[in-house]
């Protein structure tokens, strides 16, 4: 009799564990245990064995007047989890953005990235400025260059905003698991921000909402790795 969850397929196990952790509300201790089991599986992902990469390299292509093209390989998405791979050529960056009521586990597959992460101090507390615009207050929690196989996690409460730039000559790639996915209808839209003031003493920053920067160019690429085998 066939198993409903083929445990030989790591990506299917990741999706299955995401459902166990996030499909229905859980007590805090049970959620923490299931989330740790999910994170452990994400950290085990191998770029060749599971994701189908032959050579860890991102060619640099640019659109005139914009910036280097970032590639995205979509793997799987349902109401609970979204899974995919971002490939950034050297110098490409993803601007500061948030993940409302989401948990994200990212496994850096190759290369180095400069990452800045922030916690909200009070997202709903607006600070008026002389130019009449409103700002939100956040605190810088991480600012460093990290290299593969670095594992990064953000939650609704911790490191919820981040930005990063590929620093290494071969570019950088990371495997991303979002629980739950972005969904505009459920108030989980992706919002971009600009830091307009930073306090070195408190590490607090005033952030202003901005449209998606026109320099951000993301194009779909074909995924050739394991499939997620869930109904």
C-alpha atoms as a PDB file:
ATOM      1  CA  UNK A   1       0.000   0.000   0.000  1.00  0.00           C
ATOM      2  CA  UNK A   2       1.502   3.341  -1.050  1.00  0.00           C
ATOM      3  CA  UNK A   3       2.238   5.944   1.554  1.00  0.00           C
ATOM      4  CA  UNK A   4       0.218   9.210   1.160  1.00  0.00           C
ATOM      5  CA  UNK A   5       3.397  11.182   1.825  1.00  0.00           C
ATOM      6  CA  UNK A   6       6.468   9.856  -0.073  1.00  0.00           C
ATOM      7  CA  UNK A   7       9.139  10.410   2.546  1.00  0.00           C
ATOM      8  CA  UNK A   8      11.955   9.876   0.010  1.00  0.00           C
ATOM      9  CA  UNK A   9      11.091  13.282  -1.497  1.00  0.00           C
ATOM     10  CA  UNK A  10      12.448  16.055   0.732  1.00  0.00           C
ATOM     11  CA  UNK A  11      10.384  18.879  -0.787  1.00  0.00           C
ATOM     12  CA  UNK A  12       7.181  16.914  -0.264  1.00  0.00           C
ATOM     13  CA  UNK A  13       8.167  16.355   3.366  1.00  0.00           C
ATOM     14  CA  UNK A  14       8.758  20.108   3.751  1.00  0.00           C
ATOM     15  CA  UNK A  15       5.290  20.896   2.384  1.00  0.00           C
ATOM     16  CA  UNK A  16       3.752  18.192   4.586  1.00  0.00           C
ATOM     17  CA  UNK A  17       5.441  19.570   7.721  1.00  0.00           C
ATOM     18  CA  UNK A  18       4.348  23.089   6.807  1.00  0.00           C
ATOM     19  CA  UNK A  19       0.755  21.887   6.750  1.00  0.00           C
ATOM     20  CA  UNK A  20       1.221  20.197  10.118  1.00  0.00           C
ATOM     21  CA  UNK A  21       2.534  23.454  11.592  1.00  0.00           C
ATOM     22  CA  UNK A  22       0.307  26.063   9.947  1.00  0.00           C
ATOM     23  CA  UNK A  23      -2.875  24.543   8.478  1.00  0.00           C
ATOM     24  CA  UNK A  24      -4.749  24.930  11.780  1.00  0.00           C
ATOM     25  CA  UNK A  25      -4.035  26.992  14.927  1.00  0.00           C
ATOM     26  CA  UNK A  26      -1.857  25.207  17.502  1.00  0.00           C
ATOM     27  CA  UNK A  27      -0.870  25.845  21.132  1.00  0.00           C
ATOM     28  CA  UNK A  28       2.444  27.764  21.289  1.00  0.00           C
ATOM     29  CA  UNK A  29       4.539  24.773  22.404  1.00  0.00           C
ATOM     30  CA  UNK A  30       3.178  22.480  19.687  1.00  0.00           C
ATOM     31  CA  UNK A  31       3.666  25.175  17.056  1.00  0.00           C
ATOM     32  CA  UNK A  32       7.279  25.732  18.157  1.00  0.00           C
ATOM     33  CA  UNK A  33       8.034  22.001  17.934  1.00  0.00           C
ATOM     34  CA  UNK A  34       6.504  21.591  14.491  1.00  0.00           C
ATOM     35  CA  UNK A  35       8.146  24.763  13.233  1.00  0.00           C
ATOM     36  CA  UNK A  36      11.562  23.521  14.352  1.00  0.00           C
ATOM     37  CA  UNK A  37      10.959  20.229  12.526  1.00  0.00           C
ATOM     38  CA  UNK A  38      10.082  22.210   9.401  1.00  0.00           C
ATOM     39  CA  UNK A  39      13.183  24.413   9.694  1.00  0.00           C
ATOM     40  CA  UNK A  40      15.409  21.350  10.053  1.00  0.00           C
ATOM     41  CA  UNK A  41      14.101  19.943   6.763  1.00  0.00           C
ATOM     42  CA  UNK A  42      14.556  23.252   4.924  1.00  0.00           C
ATOM     43  CA  UNK A  43      18.161  23.385   6.146  1.00  0.00           C
ATOM     44  CA  UNK A  44      18.781  19.935   4.594  1.00  0.00           C
ATOM     45  CA  UNK A  45      17.952  21.038   1.037  1.00  0.00           C
ATOM     46  CA  UNK A  46      20.821  20.395  -1.387  1.00  0.00           C
ATOM     47  CA  UNK A  47      21.062  22.403  -4.608  1.00  0.00           C
ATOM     48  CA  UNK A  48      22.088  19.418  -6.758  1.00  0.00           C
ATOM     49  CA  UNK A  49      20.339  16.478  -5.112  1.00  0.00           C
ATOM     50  CA  UNK A  50      16.963  18.123  -4.501  1.00  0.00           C
ATOM     51  CA  UNK A  51      16.794  21.284  -6.624  1.00  0.00           C
ATOM     52  CA  UNK A  52      18.371  20.131  -9.879  1.00  0.00           C
ATOM     53  CA  UNK A  53      21.244  22.619 -10.174  1.00  0.00           C
ATOM     54  CA  UNK A  54      24.319  21.548 -12.128  1.00  0.00           C
ATOM     55  CA  UNK A  55      26.491  24.621 -11.646  1.00  0.00           C
ATOM     56  CA  UNK A  56      26.149  27.223  -8.850  1.00  0.00           C
ATOM     57  CA  UNK A  57      26.288  30.375 -10.944  1.00  0.00           C
ATOM     58  CA  UNK A  58      23.914  33.214 -11.857  1.00  0.00           C
ATOM     59  CA  UNK A  59      24.656  34.972 -15.157  1.00  0.00           C
ATOM     60  CA  UNK A  60      24.293  38.740 -15.039  1.00  0.00           C
ATOM     61  CA  UNK A  61      21.709  40.247 -17.379  1.00  0.00           C
ATOM     62  CA  UNK A  62      20.419  43.809 -17.216  1.00  0.00           C
ATOM     63  CA  UNK A  63      17.538  45.828 -18.593  1.00  0.00           C
ATOM     64  CA  UNK A  64      18.742  49.265 -19.714  1.00  0.00           C
ATOM     65  CA  UNK A  65      17.717  51.968 -17.274  1.00  0.00           C
ATOM     66  CA  UNK A  66      16.737  49.456 -14.588  1.00  0.00           C
ATOM     67  CA  UNK A  67      18.976  46.915 -12.916  1.00  0.00           C
ATOM     68  CA  UNK A  68      20.225  43.335 -13.058  1.00  0.00           C
ATOM     69  CA  UNK A  69      17.543  40.719 -13.616  1.00  0.00           C
ATOM     70  CA  UNK A  70      16.667  38.490 -10.652  1.00  0.00           C
ATOM     71  CA  UNK A  71      15.360  35.045 -11.569  1.00  0.00           C
ATOM     72  CA  UNK A  72      12.654  33.230  -9.621  1.00  0.00           C
ATOM     73  CA  UNK A  73      11.934  29.498  -9.864  1.00  0.00           C
ATOM     74  CA  UNK A  74       8.467  28.663  -8.595  1.00  0.00           C
ATOM     75  CA  UNK A  75       8.181  25.199  -7.030  1.00  0.00           C
ATOM     76  CA  UNK A  76       4.860  24.909  -5.183  1.00  0.00           C
ATOM     77  CA  UNK A  77       2.103  26.923  -3.554  1.00  0.00           C
ATOM     78  CA  UNK A  78      -1.157  26.266  -1.726  1.00  0.00           C
ATOM     79  CA  UNK A  79      -3.041  28.103   1.033  1.00  0.00           C
ATOM     80  CA  UNK A  80      -0.425  27.150   3.647  1.00  0.00           C
ATOM     81  CA  UNK A  81       2.975  27.278   1.961  1.00  0.00           C
ATOM     82  CA  UNK A  82       4.818  28.844  -0.961  1.00  0.00           C
ATOM     83  CA  UNK A  83       8.137  27.402  -2.081  1.00  0.00           C
ATOM     84  CA  UNK A  84      10.628  28.761  -4.604  1.00  0.00           C
ATOM     85  CA  UNK A  85      14.199  29.800  -5.415  1.00  0.00           C
ATOM     86  CA  UNK A  86      15.578  33.300  -5.969  1.00  0.00           C
ATOM     87  CA  UNK A  87      18.723  33.706  -8.080  1.00  0.00           C
ATOM     88  CA  UNK A  88      20.559  37.033  -7.808  1.00  0.00           C
ATOM     89  CA  UNK A  89      23.533  37.993  -9.988  1.00  0.00           C
ATOM     90  CA  UNK A  90      26.314  39.954  -8.305  1.00  0.00           C
ATOM     91  CA  UNK A  91      25.114  43.422  -7.361  1.00  0.00           C
ATOM     92  CA  UNK A  92      21.416  42.597  -7.622  1.00  0.00           C
ATOM     93  CA  UNK A  93      19.320  43.508  -4.602  1.00  0.00           C
ATOM     94  CA  UNK A  94      15.815  42.997  -3.271  1.00  0.00           C
ATOM     95  CA  UNK A  95      14.682  46.189  -1.509  1.00  0.00           C
ATOM     96  CA  UNK A  96      13.373  46.432   2.039  1.00  0.00           C
ATOM     97  CA  UNK A  97       9.980  44.698   2.290  1.00  0.00           C
ATOM     98  CA  UNK A  98       7.741  43.057   4.869  1.00  0.00           C
ATOM     99  CA  UNK A  99       6.027  39.708   5.458  1.00  0.00           C
ATOM    100  CA  UNK A 100       2.754  40.394   7.342  1.00  0.00           C
ATOM    101  CA  UNK A 101       1.726  37.568   9.694  1.00  0.00           C
ATOM    102  CA  UNK A 102       4.129  35.197   7.956  1.00  0.00           C
ATOM    103  CA  UNK A 103       7.032  32.908   8.775  1.00  0.00           C
ATOM    104  CA  UNK A 104       9.833  32.607   6.218  1.00  0.00           C
ATOM    105  CA  UNK A 105      12.690  30.105   6.215  1.00  0.00           C
ATOM    106  CA  UNK A 106      15.500  30.791   3.740  1.00  0.00           C
ATOM    107  CA  UNK A 107      18.382  28.466   2.963  1.00  0.00           C
ATOM    108  CA  UNK A 108      21.259  30.210   1.193  1.00  0.00           C
ATOM    109  CA  UNK A 109      22.354  27.733  -1.487  1.00  0.00           C
ATOM    110  CA  UNK A 110      25.492  29.433  -2.757  1.00  0.00           C
ATOM    111  CA  UNK A 111      27.252  32.770  -2.685  1.00  0.00           C
ATOM    112  CA  UNK A 112      27.230  35.640  -0.195  1.00  0.00           C
ATOM    113  CA  UNK A 113      24.606  38.291   0.502  1.00  0.00           C
ATOM    114  CA  UNK A 114      24.533  41.480   2.530  1.00  0.00           C
ATOM    115  CA  UNK A 115      21.362  41.368   4.623  1.00  0.00           C
ATOM    116  CA  UNK A 116      19.624  43.962   6.779  1.00  0.00           C
ATOM    117  CA  UNK A 117      16.713  42.824   8.942  1.00  0.00           C
ATOM    118  CA  UNK A 118      14.335  44.841  11.103  1.00  0.00           C
ATOM    119  CA  UNK A 119      11.697  44.270  13.784  1.00  0.00           C
ATOM    120  CA  UNK A 120       8.653  46.470  13.946  1.00  0.00           C
ATOM    121  CA  UNK A 121       8.624  48.658  17.037  1.00  0.00           C
ATOM    122  CA  UNK A 122       5.110  49.856  16.290  1.00  0.00           C
ATOM    123  CA  UNK A 123       3.900  49.371  12.745  1.00  0.00           C
ATOM    124  CA  UNK A 124       0.557  51.054  13.427  1.00  0.00           C
ATOM    125  CA  UNK A 125       2.129  54.031  15.142  1.00  0.00           C
ATOM    126  CA  UNK A 126       2.650  56.764  12.588  1.00  0.00           C
ATOM    127  CA  UNK A 127       5.112  59.614  12.964  1.00  0.00           C
ATOM    128  CA  UNK A 128       4.252  62.753  11.004  1.00  0.00           C
ATOM    129  CA  UNK A 129       7.110  64.591   9.345  1.00  0.00           C
ATOM    130  CA  UNK A 130       7.464  68.195   8.170  1.00  0.00           C
ATOM    131  CA  UNK A 131       6.675  67.047   4.616  1.00  0.00           C
ATOM    132  CA  UNK A 132       3.295  65.764   5.787  1.00  0.00           C
ATOM    133  CA  UNK A 133       4.049  62.076   5.286  1.00  0.00           C
ATOM    134  CA  UNK A 134       3.648  59.288   7.842  1.00  0.00           C
ATOM    135  CA  UNK A 135       6.407  56.925   8.918  1.00  0.00           C
ATOM    136  CA  UNK A 136       6.571  53.667  10.845  1.00  0.00           C
ATOM    137  CA  UNK A 137       9.152  52.868  13.494  1.00  0.00           C
ATOM    138  CA  UNK A 138      11.378  49.768  13.211  1.00  0.00           C
ATOM    139  CA  UNK A 139      14.580  48.534  14.851  1.00  0.00           C
ATOM    140  CA  UNK A 140      17.573  47.104  12.994  1.00  0.00           C
ATOM    141  CA  UNK A 141      18.271  43.572  14.269  1.00  0.00           C
ATOM    142  CA  UNK A 142      20.808  42.253  11.743  1.00  0.00           C
ATOM    143  CA  UNK A 143      23.244  43.922   9.362  1.00  0.00           C
ATOM    144  CA  UNK A 144      25.993  41.696   8.034  1.00  0.00           C
ATOM    145  CA  UNK A 145      27.306  39.727   5.088  1.00  0.00           C
ATOM    146  CA  UNK A 146      26.490  36.014   5.249  1.00  0.00           C
ATOM    147  CA  UNK A 147      27.561  33.105   3.062  1.00  0.00           C
ATOM    148  CA  UNK A 148      26.134  29.721   2.098  1.00  0.00           C
ATOM    149  CA  UNK A 149      25.011  27.517   3.772  1.00  0.00           C
ATOM    150  CA  UNK A 150      23.619  30.241   6.063  1.00  0.00           C
ATOM    151  CA  UNK A 151      20.041  29.617   7.248  1.00  0.00           C
ATOM    152  CA  UNK A 152      17.799  32.626   7.922  1.00  0.00           C
ATOM    153  CA  UNK A 153      14.384  32.781   9.602  1.00  0.00           C
ATOM    154  CA  UNK A 154      11.871  35.556  10.067  1.00  0.00           C
ATOM    155  CA  UNK A 155       8.501  35.515  11.820  1.00  0.00           C
ATOM    156  CA  UNK A 156       5.622  37.935  12.314  1.00  0.00           C
ATOM    157  CA  UNK A 157       7.407  39.201  15.454  1.00  0.00           C
ATOM    158  CA  UNK A 158      11.118  38.918  14.597  1.00  0.00           C
ATOM    159  CA  UNK A 159      13.148  40.120  11.591  1.00  0.00           C
ATOM    160  CA  UNK A 160       9.907  40.634   9.664  1.00  0.00           C
ATOM    161  CA  UNK A 161      11.403  43.182   7.280  1.00  0.00           C
ATOM    162  CA  UNK A 162      14.559  42.567   5.302  1.00  0.00           C
ATOM    163  CA  UNK A 163      16.604  43.606   2.296  1.00  0.00           C
ATOM    164  CA  UNK A 164      19.582  41.946   0.676  1.00  0.00           C
ATOM    165  CA  UNK A 165      22.202  42.276  -2.028  1.00  0.00           C
ATOM    166  CA  UNK A 166      24.275  39.594  -3.771  1.00  0.00           C
ATOM    167  CA  UNK A 167      27.971  40.202  -3.082  1.00  0.00           C
ATOM    168  CA  UNK A 168      29.880  37.248  -4.557  1.00  0.00           C
ATOM    169  CA  UNK A 169      31.162  36.959  -8.132  1.00  0.00           C
ATOM    170  CA  UNK A 170      29.061  33.853  -8.811  1.00  0.00           C
ATOM    171  CA  UNK A 171      25.943  35.620  -7.531  1.00  0.00           C
ATOM    172  CA  UNK A 172      23.768  34.066  -4.857  1.00  0.00           C
ATOM    173  CA  UNK A 173      20.725  31.829  -4.639  1.00  0.00           C
ATOM    174  CA  UNK A 174      18.392  30.974  -1.803  1.00  0.00           C
ATOM    175  CA  UNK A 175      15.565  28.501  -1.300  1.00  0.00           C
ATOM    176  CA  UNK A 176      12.561  30.266   0.222  1.00  0.00           C
ATOM    177  CA  UNK A 177       9.650  28.769   2.183  1.00  0.00           C
ATOM    178  CA  UNK A 178       6.797  31.126   3.140  1.00  0.00           C
ATOM    179  CA  UNK A 179       4.061  30.105   5.578  1.00  0.00           C
ATOM    180  CA  UNK A 180       1.492  31.259   4.633  1.00  0.00           C
ATOM    181  CA  UNK A 181       2.059  32.812   1.196  1.00  0.00           C
ATOM    182  CA  UNK A 182       1.410  36.442   0.329  1.00  0.00           C
ATOM    183  CA  UNK A 183      -2.307  37.032  -0.257  1.00  0.00           C
ATOM    184  CA  UNK A 184      -3.725  40.494  -0.879  1.00  0.00           C
ATOM    185  CA  UNK A 185      -7.280  39.403  -0.047  1.00  0.00           C
ATOM    186  CA  UNK A 186      -6.164  38.202   3.399  1.00  0.00           C
ATOM    187  CA  UNK A 187      -4.135  41.365   4.195  1.00  0.00           C
ATOM    188  CA  UNK A 188      -0.799  39.733   3.435  1.00  0.00           C
ATOM    189  CA  UNK A 189       0.369  41.982   0.645  1.00  0.00           C
ATOM    190  CA  UNK A 190       4.078  42.717   0.138  1.00  0.00           C
ATOM    191  CA  UNK A 191       4.897  46.333   1.020  1.00  0.00           C
ATOM    192  CA  UNK A 192       8.201  48.046   0.219  1.00  0.00           C
ATOM    193  CA  UNK A 193       9.837  50.629   2.467  1.00  0.00           C
ATOM    194  CA  UNK A 194      12.514  53.292   2.394  1.00  0.00           C
ATOM    195  CA  UNK A 195      14.580  54.159   5.454  1.00  0.00           C
ATOM    196  CA  UNK A 196      14.433  57.951   5.823  1.00  0.00           C
ATOM    197  CA  UNK A 197      16.182  58.292   9.189  1.00  0.00           C
ATOM    198  CA  UNK A 198      18.318  56.016  11.368  1.00  0.00           C
ATOM    199  CA  UNK A 199      19.414  56.414  14.985  1.00  0.00           C
ATOM    200  CA  UNK A 200      22.831  54.794  15.544  1.00  0.00           C
ATOM    201  CA  UNK A 201      22.371  54.749  19.320  1.00  0.00           C
ATOM    202  CA  UNK A 202      18.995  52.979  19.447  1.00  0.00           C
ATOM    203  CA  UNK A 203      19.248  51.231  16.028  1.00  0.00           C
ATOM    204  CA  UNK A 204      15.765  52.574  15.341  1.00  0.00           C
ATOM    205  CA  UNK A 205      14.716  53.597  11.849  1.00  0.00           C
ATOM    206  CA  UNK A 206      11.851  55.614  10.408  1.00  0.00           C
ATOM    207  CA  UNK A 207      10.444  53.766   7.412  1.00  0.00           C
ATOM    208  CA  UNK A 208       8.233  55.179   4.684  1.00  0.00           C
ATOM    209  CA  UNK A 209       6.025  53.035   2.471  1.00  0.00           C
ATOM    210  CA  UNK A 210       6.973  53.247  -1.204  1.00  0.00           C
ATOM    211  CA  UNK A 211       5.791  51.600  -4.443  1.00  0.00           C
ATOM    212  CA  UNK A 212       7.780  48.662  -5.744  1.00  0.00           C
ATOM    213  CA  UNK A 213      11.040  50.220  -6.977  1.00  0.00           C
ATOM    214  CA  UNK A 214      11.263  50.222 -10.792  1.00  0.00           C
ATOM    215  CA  UNK A 215      14.846  48.937 -10.541  1.00  0.00           C
ATOM    216  CA  UNK A 216      13.521  45.626  -9.140  1.00  0.00           C
ATOM    217  CA  UNK A 217      13.209  43.243 -12.091  1.00  0.00           C
ATOM    218  CA  UNK A 218      12.190  39.642 -11.362  1.00  0.00           C
ATOM    219  CA  UNK A 219      11.721  37.132 -14.167  1.00  0.00           C
ATOM    220  CA  UNK A 220      10.509  33.534 -14.005  1.00  0.00           C
ATOM    221  CA  UNK A 221      12.981  30.729 -14.681  1.00  0.00           C
ATOM    222  CA  UNK A 222      12.341  27.028 -15.244  1.00  0.00           C
ATOM    223  CA  UNK A 223      12.635  24.777 -12.207  1.00  0.00           C
ATOM    224  CA  UNK A 224      14.137  21.314 -12.836  1.00  0.00           C
ATOM    225  CA  UNK A 225      14.270  19.747  -9.368  1.00  0.00           C
ATOM    226  CA  UNK A 226      12.060  17.569  -7.194  1.00  0.00           C
ATOM    227  CA  UNK A 227       8.295  17.993  -7.398  1.00  0.00           C
ATOM    228  CA  UNK A 228       6.019  18.405  -4.409  1.00  0.00           C
ATOM    229  CA  UNK A 229       3.715  15.367  -4.458  1.00  0.00           C
ATOM    230  CA  UNK A 230       0.784  16.448  -2.323  1.00  0.00           C
ATOM    231  CA  UNK A 231      -2.874  16.500  -3.292  1.00  0.00           C
END
